Amino acid sequence: GHEQLLKMMEERMMDVEQKLRLVKRLLQDKVNQLKEQLSKNTKADAMVKDLYVENAQLLKALEMTEQRQKTAERKNYLLEEKIANLNRIVKNLASPSLKS
């Protein structure tokens, strides 16, 4: 009976060791999977930061372009006023010469 008990305990120990090896392998697979995911997340985080910076630069460029457009529109309006005034002056100068 004593040897039978020892044999049963030895088989149980071997079974437990086999299960432990399996669990260890599964845990290692999970660790590898999580490391890979962390690496992907780190890359994605860096890309998001780059895009954030690029977006800020583009917004600044857009702001400057809009400002230039407003300035150009103001200058255009002033030039149109000057042209209208010059046309009036030319018309007034031409009118007396037509009368005479």
Protein backbone atom coordinates (compact mmCIF):
# COMPACT_ATOMS: atom_id res chain seq x y z
CA GLY A 1 0.00 0.00 0.00
CA HIS A 2 2.83 2.37 0.79
CA GLU A 3 4.50 1.94 -2.61
CA GLN A 4 1.12 2.28 -4.33
CA LEU A 5 0.55 5.60 -2.51
CA LEU A 6 4.04 6.80 -3.50
CA LYS A 7 3.41 5.87 -7.13
CA MET A 8 0.05 7.73 -7.16
CA MET A 9 1.65 10.81 -5.61
CA GLU A 10 4.48 10.67 -8.16
CA GLU A 11 1.96 10.48 -11.03
CA ARG A 12 0.02 13.41 -9.57
CA MET A 13 3.26 15.42 -9.26
CA MET A 14 4.12 14.68 -12.90
CA ASP A 15 0.60 15.69 -13.93
CA VAL A 16 0.84 18.92 -11.93
CA GLU A 17 4.28 19.66 -13.45
CA GLN A 18 2.91 19.10 -16.95
CA LYS A 19 -0.01 21.43 -16.24
CA LEU A 20 2.39 24.01 -14.82
CA ARG A 21 4.53 23.85 -17.98
CA LEU A 22 1.41 24.35 -20.08
CA VAL A 23 0.31 27.33 -17.98
CA LYS A 24 3.84 28.76 -18.18
CA ARG A 25 3.80 28.43 -21.99
CA LEU A 26 0.37 30.07 -22.18
CA LEU A 27 1.50 32.90 -19.93
CA GLN A 28 4.63 33.42 -22.04
CA ASP A 29 2.48 33.59 -25.18
CA LYS A 30 0.28 36.18 -23.49
CA VAL A 31 3.34 38.18 -22.40
CA ASN A 32 4.64 38.15 -25.98
CA GLN A 33 1.25 39.22 -27.28
CA LEU A 34 1.07 42.09 -24.78
CA LYS A 35 4.63 43.21 -25.62
CA GLU A 36 3.69 43.30 -29.31
CA GLN A 37 0.54 45.28 -28.52
CA LEU A 38 2.54 47.72 -26.39
CA SER A 39 4.96 48.22 -29.27
CA LYS A 40 2.08 48.92 -31.67
CA ASN A 41 0.47 51.30 -29.17
CA THR A 42 3.76 53.15 -28.71
CA LYS A 43 4.12 53.59 -32.49
CA ALA A 44 0.49 54.73 -32.79
CA ASP A 45 1.01 57.20 -29.93
CA ALA A 46 4.06 58.67 -31.69
CA MET A 47 2.07 58.96 -34.92
CA VAL A 48 -0.78 60.73 -33.13
CA LYS A 49 1.69 63.19 -31.60
CA ASP A 50 3.26 63.83 -35.03
CA LEU A 51 -0.18 64.40 -36.54
CA TYR A 52 -1.08 66.77 -33.70
CA VAL A 53 2.06 68.84 -34.38
CA GLU A 54 1.47 68.78 -38.13
CA ASN A 55 -2.15 69.83 -37.62
CA ALA A 56 -1.05 72.77 -35.47
CA GLN A 57 1.42 73.83 -38.18
CA LEU A 58 -1.26 73.55 -40.87
CA LEU A 59 -3.68 75.61 -38.79
CA LYS A 60 -1.03 78.30 -38.37
CA ALA A 61 -0.33 78.29 -42.12
CA LEU A 62 -4.07 78.53 -42.85
CA GLU A 63 -4.39 81.43 -40.42
CA MET A 64 -1.52 83.27 -42.13
CA THR A 65 -2.99 82.56 -45.58
CA GLU A 66 -6.39 83.89 -44.51
CA GLN A 67 -4.69 87.00 -43.12
CA ARG A 68 -2.84 87.53 -46.42
CA GLN A 69 -6.10 87.08 -48.32
CA LYS A 70 -7.83 89.73 -46.17
CA THR A 71 -4.90 92.11 -46.75
CA ALA A 72 -5.02 91.47 -50.50
CA GLU A 73 -8.78 92.05 -50.54
CA ARG A 74 -8.32 95.37 -48.70
CA LYS A 75 -5.58 96.46 -51.12
CA ASN A 76 -7.75 95.41 -54.07
CA TYR A 77 -10.67 97.46 -52.72
CA LEU A 78 -8.43 100.52 -52.29
CA LEU A 79 -7.04 100.10 -55.82
CA GLU A 80 -10.56 99.86 -57.21
CA GLU A 81 -11.47 103.09 -55.39
CA LYS A 82 -8.36 104.79 -56.80
CA ILE A 83 -9.25 103.59 -60.32
CA ALA A 84 -12.79 104.91 -59.94
CA ASN A 85 -11.41 108.27 -58.72
CA LEU A 86 -8.92 108.43 -61.59
CA ASN A 87 -11.69 107.64 -64.07
CA ARG A 88 -13.75 110.48 -62.57
CA ILE A 89 -10.79 112.86 -62.86
CA VAL A 90 -10.12 111.81 -66.47
CA LYS A 91 -13.83 112.22 -67.28
CA ASN A 92 -13.87 115.70 -65.66
CA LEU A 93 -10.70 116.69 -67.52
CA ALA A 94 -12.12 115.41 -70.81
CA SER A 95 -15.49 117.13 -70.33
CA PRO A 96 -14.22 120.78 -70.66
CA SER A 97 -12.16 119.88 -73.73
CA LEU A 98 -15.21 118.33 -75.35
CA LYS A 99 -17.22 121.50 -74.67
CA SER A 100 -14.68 123.77 -76.28
